[in-house]
PDB file of all heavy atoms in Angstrom:
ATOM      1  N   GLN A   1      -1.877   1.254 -10.198  1.00  0.00           N
ATOM      2  CA  GLN A   1      -2.583   0.170  -9.516  1.00  0.00           C
ATOM      3  C   GLN A   1      -3.601   0.703  -8.512  1.00  0.00           C
ATOM      4  O   GLN A   1      -4.705   0.155  -8.385  1.00  0.00           O
ATOM      5  CB  GLN A   1      -1.577  -0.743  -8.808  1.00  0.00           C
ATOM      6  CG  GLN A   1      -0.779  -1.633  -9.730  1.00  0.00           C
ATOM      7  CD  GLN A   1      -1.648  -2.660 -10.428  1.00  0.00           C
ATOM      8  OE1 GLN A   1      -2.531  -3.259  -9.825  1.00  0.00           O
ATOM      9  NE2 GLN A   1      -1.399  -2.873 -11.709  1.00  0.00           N
ATOM     10  N   ILE A   2      -3.258   1.770  -7.795  1.00  0.00           N
ATOM     11  CA  ILE A   2      -4.200   2.344  -6.835  1.00  0.00           C
ATOM     12  C   ILE A   2      -5.439   2.864  -7.552  1.00  0.00           C
ATOM     13  O   ILE A   2      -6.572   2.651  -7.119  1.00  0.00           O
ATOM     14  CB  ILE A   2      -3.523   3.483  -6.030  1.00  0.00           C
ATOM     15  CG1 ILE A   2      -2.436   2.914  -5.111  1.00  0.00           C
ATOM     16  CG2 ILE A   2      -4.551   4.253  -5.206  1.00  0.00           C
ATOM     17  CD1 ILE A   2      -1.659   3.976  -4.357  1.00  0.00           C
ATOM     18  N   GLU A   3      -5.228   3.546  -8.673  1.00  0.00           N
ATOM     19  CA  GLU A   3      -6.349   4.106  -9.428  1.00  0.00           C
ATOM     20  C   GLU A   3      -7.229   3.008 -10.028  1.00  0.00           C
ATOM     21  O   GLU A   3      -8.444   3.160 -10.136  1.00  0.00           O
ATOM     22  CB  GLU A   3      -5.825   5.025 -10.538  1.00  0.00           C
ATOM     23  CG  GLU A   3      -5.134   6.278 -10.036  1.00  0.00           C
ATOM     24  CD  GLU A   3      -6.125   7.363  -9.636  1.00  0.00           C
ATOM     25  OE1 GLU A   3      -7.337   7.112  -9.724  1.00  0.00           O
ATOM     26  OE2 GLU A   3      -5.683   8.460  -9.245  1.00  0.00           O
ATOM     27  N   GLN A   4      -6.622   1.898 -10.425  1.00  0.00           N
ATOM     28  CA  GLN A   4      -7.365   0.837 -11.096  1.00  0.00           C
ATOM     29  C   GLN A   4      -8.006  -0.157 -10.134  1.00  0.00           C
ATOM     30  O   GLN A   4      -9.095  -0.669 -10.411  1.00  0.00           O
ATOM     31  CB  GLN A   4      -6.439   0.079 -12.060  1.00  0.00           C
ATOM     32  CG  GLN A   4      -5.980   0.882 -13.258  1.00  0.00           C
ATOM     33  CD  GLN A   4      -5.079   0.082 -14.182  1.00  0.00           C
ATOM     34  OE1 GLN A   4      -4.647  -1.030 -13.841  1.00  0.00           O
ATOM     35  NE2 GLN A   4      -4.770   0.638 -15.333  1.00  0.00           N
ATOM     36  N   LYS A   5      -7.350  -0.444  -9.012  1.00  0.00           N
ATOM     37  CA  LYS A   5      -7.784  -1.544  -8.160  1.00  0.00           C
ATOM     38  C   LYS A   5      -8.467  -1.113  -6.858  1.00  0.00           C
ATOM     39  O   LYS A   5      -9.050  -1.952  -6.190  1.00  0.00           O
ATOM     40  CB  LYS A   5      -6.572  -2.426  -7.809  1.00  0.00           C
ATOM     41  CG  LYS A   5      -5.836  -2.992  -9.018  1.00  0.00           C
ATOM     42  CD  LYS A   5      -6.677  -3.967  -9.787  1.00  0.00           C
ATOM     43  CE  LYS A   5      -5.956  -4.526 -11.003  1.00  0.00           C
ATOM     44  NZ  LYS A   5      -4.714  -5.239 -10.669  1.00  0.00           N
ATOM     45  N   THR A   6      -8.390   0.150  -6.491  1.00  0.00           N
ATOM     46  CA  THR A   6      -8.948   0.588  -5.215  1.00  0.00           C
ATOM     47  C   THR A   6      -9.943   1.727  -5.440  1.00  0.00           C
ATOM     48  O   THR A   6      -9.954   2.357  -6.495  1.00  0.00           O
ATOM     49  CB  THR A   6      -7.837   1.084  -4.257  1.00  0.00           C
ATOM     50  OG1 THR A   6      -7.412   2.398  -4.660  1.00  0.00           O
ATOM     51  CG2 THR A   6      -6.642   0.144  -4.266  1.00  0.00           C
ATOM     52  N   PRO A   7     -10.768   2.020  -4.432  1.00  0.00           N
ATOM     53  CA  PRO A   7     -11.679   3.170  -4.540  1.00  0.00           C
ATOM     54  C   PRO A   7     -11.003   4.491  -4.209  1.00  0.00           C
ATOM     55  O   PRO A   7     -11.661   5.540  -4.223  1.00  0.00           O
ATOM     56  CB  PRO A   7     -12.768   2.833  -3.513  1.00  0.00           C
ATOM     57  CG  PRO A   7     -12.066   2.014  -2.477  1.00  0.00           C
ATOM     58  CD  PRO A   7     -11.035   1.211  -3.223  1.00  0.00           C
ATOM     59  N   TYR A   8      -9.703   4.466  -3.919  1.00  0.00           N
ATOM     60  CA  TYR A   8      -9.002   5.678  -3.514  1.00  0.00           C
ATOM     61  C   TYR A   8      -8.598   6.521  -4.728  1.00  0.00           C
ATOM     62  O   TYR A   8      -8.375   6.001  -5.812  1.00  0.00           O
ATOM     63  CB  TYR A   8      -7.758   5.341  -2.706  1.00  0.00           C
ATOM     64  CG  TYR A   8      -8.006   4.417  -1.540  1.00  0.00           C
ATOM     65  CD1 TYR A   8      -7.092   3.427  -1.195  1.00  0.00           C
ATOM     66  CD2 TYR A   8      -9.165   4.528  -0.772  1.00  0.00           C
ATOM     67  CE1 TYR A   8      -7.320   2.577  -0.126  1.00  0.00           C
ATOM     68  CE2 TYR A   8      -9.397   3.680   0.294  1.00  0.00           C
ATOM     69  CZ  TYR A   8      -8.475   2.707   0.618  1.00  0.00           C
ATOM     70  OH  TYR A   8      -8.712   1.864   1.669  1.00  0.00           O
ATOM     71  N   LYS A   9      -8.498   7.819  -4.491  1.00  0.00           N
ATOM     72  CA  LYS A   9      -8.046   8.761  -5.508  1.00  0.00           C
ATOM     73  C   LYS A   9      -6.661   9.263  -5.133  1.00  0.00           C
ATOM     74  O   LYS A   9      -6.444   9.720  -4.009  1.00  0.00           O
ATOM     75  CB  LYS A   9      -9.027   9.941  -5.617  1.00  0.00           C
ATOM     76  CG  LYS A   9      -8.599  11.011  -6.593  1.00  0.00           C
ATOM     77  CD  LYS A   9      -8.614  10.490  -8.022  1.00  0.00           C
ATOM     78  CE  LYS A   9      -8.244  11.596  -9.010  1.00  0.00           C
ATOM     79  NZ  LYS A   9      -8.190  11.088 -10.407  1.00  0.00           N
ATOM     80  N   VAL A  10      -5.720   9.184  -6.069  1.00  0.00           N
ATOM     81  CA  VAL A  10      -4.359   9.669  -5.833  1.00  0.00           C
ATOM     82  C   VAL A  10      -4.324  11.170  -6.100  1.00  0.00           C
ATOM     83  O   VAL A  10      -4.755  11.639  -7.163  1.00  0.00           O
ATOM     84  CB  VAL A  10      -3.348   8.942  -6.733  1.00  0.00           C
ATOM     85  CG1 VAL A  10      -1.943   9.490  -6.502  1.00  0.00           C
ATOM     86  CG2 VAL A  10      -3.369   7.443  -6.456  1.00  0.00           C
ATOM     87  N   VAL A  11      -3.816  11.932  -5.133  1.00  0.00           N
ATOM     88  CA  VAL A  11      -3.717  13.385  -5.259  1.00  0.00           C
ATOM     89  C   VAL A  11      -2.257  13.796  -5.131  1.00  0.00           C
ATOM     90  O   VAL A  11      -1.474  13.160  -4.420  1.00  0.00           O
ATOM     91  CB  VAL A  11      -4.576  14.107  -4.198  1.00  0.00           C
ATOM     92  CG1 VAL A  11      -6.050  13.805  -4.408  1.00  0.00           C
ATOM     93  CG2 VAL A  11      -4.164  13.690  -2.786  1.00  0.00           C
ATOM     94  N   SER A  12      -1.895  14.867  -5.839  1.00  0.00           N
ATOM     95  CA  SER A  12      -0.512  15.339  -5.823  1.00  0.00           C
ATOM     96  C   SER A  12      -0.230  16.264  -4.650  1.00  0.00           C
ATOM     97  O   SER A  12       0.932  16.414  -4.244  1.00  0.00           O
ATOM     98  CB  SER A  12      -0.196  16.058  -7.139  1.00  0.00           C
ATOM     99  OG  SER A  12      -1.090  17.144  -7.343  1.00  0.00           O
ATOM    100  N   ASP A  13      -1.268  16.867  -4.098  1.00  0.00           N
ATOM    101  CA  ASP A  13      -1.104  17.798  -2.981  1.00  0.00           C
ATOM    102  C   ASP A  13      -1.220  17.043  -1.662  1.00  0.00           C
ATOM    103  O   ASP A  13      -2.285  16.514  -1.333  1.00  0.00           O
ATOM    104  CB  ASP A  13      -2.164  18.898  -3.060  1.00  0.00           C
ATOM    105  CG  ASP A  13      -1.939  20.003  -2.026  1.00  0.00           C
ATOM    106  OD1 ASP A  13      -1.006  19.875  -1.207  1.00  0.00           O
ATOM    107  OD2 ASP A  13      -2.703  20.986  -2.035  1.00  0.00           O
ATOM    108  N   ARG A  14      -0.139  16.998  -0.931  1.00  0.00           N
ATOM    109  CA  ARG A  14      -0.142  16.257   0.326  1.00  0.00           C
ATOM    110  C   ARG A  14      -1.121  16.846   1.328  1.00  0.00           C
ATOM    111  O   ARG A  14      -1.690  16.125   2.155  1.00  0.00           O
ATOM    112  CB  ARG A  14       1.272  16.249   0.917  1.00  0.00           C
ATOM    113  CG  ARG A  14       1.456  15.345   2.138  1.00  0.00           C
ATOM    114  CD  ARG A  14       2.915  15.320   2.566  1.00  0.00           C
ATOM    115  NE  ARG A  14       3.157  14.341   3.605  1.00  0.00           N
ATOM    116  CZ  ARG A  14       3.095  14.600   4.902  1.00  0.00           C
ATOM    117  NH1 ARG A  14       2.785  15.840   5.308  1.00  0.00           N
ATOM    118  NH2 ARG A  14       3.328  13.659   5.807  1.00  0.00           N
ATOM    119  N   CYS A  15      -1.333  18.155   1.279  1.00  0.00           N
ATOM    120  CA  CYS A  15      -2.227  18.803   2.241  1.00  0.00           C
ATOM    121  C   CYS A  15      -3.688  18.421   2.017  1.00  0.00           C
ATOM    122  O   CYS A  15      -4.517  18.572   2.927  1.00  0.00           O
ATOM    123  CB  CYS A  15      -2.067  20.321   2.145  1.00  0.00           C
ATOM    124  SG  CYS A  15      -0.417  20.930   2.587  1.00  0.00           S
ATOM    125  N   ARG A  16      -4.030  17.932   0.829  1.00  0.00           N
ATOM    126  CA  ARG A  16      -5.407  17.542   0.538  1.00  0.00           C
ATOM    127  C   ARG A  16      -5.619  16.037   0.635  1.00  0.00           C
ATOM    128  O   ARG A  16      -6.718  15.549   0.345  1.00  0.00           O
ATOM    129  CB  ARG A  16      -5.805  18.019  -0.866  1.00  0.00           C
ATOM    130  CG  ARG A  16      -5.820  19.517  -1.038  1.00  0.00           C
ATOM    131  CD  ARG A  16      -6.495  19.946  -2.335  1.00  0.00           C
ATOM    132  NE  ARG A  16      -5.807  19.411  -3.508  1.00  0.00           N
ATOM    133  CZ  ARG A  16      -6.301  18.473  -4.292  1.00  0.00           C
ATOM    134  NH1 ARG A  16      -7.461  17.911  -4.021  1.00  0.00           N
ATOM    135  NH2 ARG A  16      -5.624  18.062  -5.355  1.00  0.00           N
ATOM    136  N   ALA A  17      -4.601  15.301   1.029  1.00  0.00           N
ATOM    137  CA  ALA A  17      -4.698  13.840   1.071  1.00  0.00           C
ATOM    138  C   ALA A  17      -5.066  13.351   2.463  1.00  0.00           C
ATOM    139  O   ALA A  17      -4.639  13.917   3.471  1.00  0.00           O
ATOM    140  CB  ALA A  17      -3.368  13.224   0.643  1.00  0.00           C
ATOM    141  N   ASP A  18      -5.883  12.296   2.499  1.00  0.00           N
ATOM    142  CA  ASP A  18      -6.202  11.646   3.771  1.00  0.00           C
ATOM    143  C   ASP A  18      -5.021  10.815   4.269  1.00  0.00           C
ATOM    144  O   ASP A  18      -4.763  10.751   5.477  1.00  0.00           O
ATOM    145  CB  ASP A  18      -7.421  10.733   3.606  1.00  0.00           C
ATOM    146  CG  ASP A  18      -8.684  11.506   3.260  1.00  0.00           C
ATOM    147  OD1 ASP A  18      -8.763  12.700   3.598  1.00  0.00           O
ATOM    148  OD2 ASP A  18      -9.587  10.911   2.640  1.00  0.00           O
ATOM    149  N   THR A  19      -4.337  10.138   3.351  1.00  0.00           N
ATOM    150  CA  THR A  19      -3.233   9.253   3.720  1.00  0.00           C
ATOM    151  C   THR A  19      -2.053   9.470   2.791  1.00  0.00           C
ATOM    152  O   THR A  19      -2.167  10.114   1.736  1.00  0.00           O
ATOM    153  CB  THR A  19      -3.667   7.773   3.634  1.00  0.00           C
ATOM    154  OG1 THR A  19      -4.016   7.468   2.267  1.00  0.00           O
ATOM    155  CG2 THR A  19      -4.861   7.498   4.524  1.00  0.00           C
ATOM    156  N   GLU A  20      -0.918   8.907   3.185  1.00  0.00           N
ATOM    157  CA  GLU A  20       0.288   8.977   2.361  1.00  0.00           C
ATOM    158  C   GLU A  20       0.950   7.600   2.322  1.00  0.00           C
ATOM    159  O   GLU A  20       1.166   6.975   3.368  1.00  0.00           O
ATOM    160  CB  GLU A  20       1.283  10.003   2.915  1.00  0.00           C
ATOM    161  CG  GLU A  20       2.553  10.121   2.102  1.00  0.00           C
ATOM    162  CD  GLU A  20       3.526  11.126   2.707  1.00  0.00           C
ATOM    163  OE1 GLU A  20       3.975  10.884   3.856  1.00  0.00           O
ATOM    164  OE2 GLU A  20       3.831  12.134   2.052  1.00  0.00           O
ATOM    165  N   LEU A  21       1.250   7.142   1.117  1.00  0.00           N
ATOM    166  CA  LEU A  21       1.959   5.878   0.931  1.00  0.00           C
ATOM    167  C   LEU A  21       3.356   6.189   0.435  1.00  0.00           C
ATOM    168  O   LEU A  21       3.541   6.671  -0.684  1.00  0.00           O
ATOM    169  CB  LEU A  21       1.226   4.999  -0.080  1.00  0.00           C
ATOM    170  CG  LEU A  21       1.896   3.658  -0.418  1.00  0.00           C
ATOM    171  CD1 LEU A  21       1.915   2.746   0.804  1.00  0.00           C
ATOM    172  CD2 LEU A  21       1.190   2.970  -1.581  1.00  0.00           C
ATOM    173  N   SER A  22       4.345   5.941   1.277  1.00  0.00           N
ATOM    174  CA  SER A  22       5.740   6.226   0.918  1.00  0.00           C
ATOM    175  C   SER A  22       6.550   4.941   0.985  1.00  0.00           C
ATOM    176  O   SER A  22       6.190   3.991   1.692  1.00  0.00           O
ATOM    177  CB  SER A  22       6.341   7.277   1.858  1.00  0.00           C
ATOM    178  OG  SER A  22       6.283   6.837   3.211  1.00  0.00           O
ATOM    179  N   GLY A  23       7.651   4.920   0.251  1.00  0.00           N
ATOM    180  CA  GLY A  23       8.477   3.715   0.224  1.00  0.00           C
ATOM    181  C   GLY A  23       9.918   4.012  -0.110  1.00  0.00           C
ATOM    182  O   GLY A  23      10.256   5.087  -0.634  1.00  0.00           O
ATOM    183  N   VAL A  24      10.771   3.063   0.208  1.00  0.00           N
ATOM    184  CA  VAL A  24      12.203   3.152  -0.070  1.00  0.00           C
ATOM    185  C   VAL A  24      12.637   1.879  -0.776  1.00  0.00           C
ATOM    186  O   VAL A  24      12.370   0.772  -0.282  1.00  0.00           O
ATOM    187  CB  VAL A  24      13.027   3.334   1.225  1.00  0.00           C
ATOM    188  CG1 VAL A  24      14.511   3.431   0.895  1.00  0.00           C
ATOM    189  CG2 VAL A  24      12.570   4.565   1.992  1.00  0.00           C
ATOM    190  N   ILE A  25      13.277   2.018  -1.925  1.00  0.00           N
ATOM    191  CA  ILE A  25      13.837   0.858  -2.622  1.00  0.00           C
ATOM    192  C   ILE A  25      15.144   0.503  -1.938  1.00  0.00           C
ATOM    193  O   ILE A  25      16.103   1.266  -1.956  1.00  0.00           O
ATOM    194  CB  ILE A  25      14.063   1.165  -4.108  1.00  0.00           C
ATOM    195  CG1 ILE A  25      12.738   1.506  -4.785  1.00  0.00           C
ATOM    196  CG2 ILE A  25      14.720  -0.028  -4.800  1.00  0.00           C
ATOM    197  CD1 ILE A  25      12.885   1.908  -6.250  1.00  0.00           C
TER     198      ILE A  25
END
């Protein structure tokens, strides 16, 4: 959904990311 609906790019390396989206079920 992030890739399809937002201008943001999902990256696997946390050190190269501007933000982090985390969650708990």
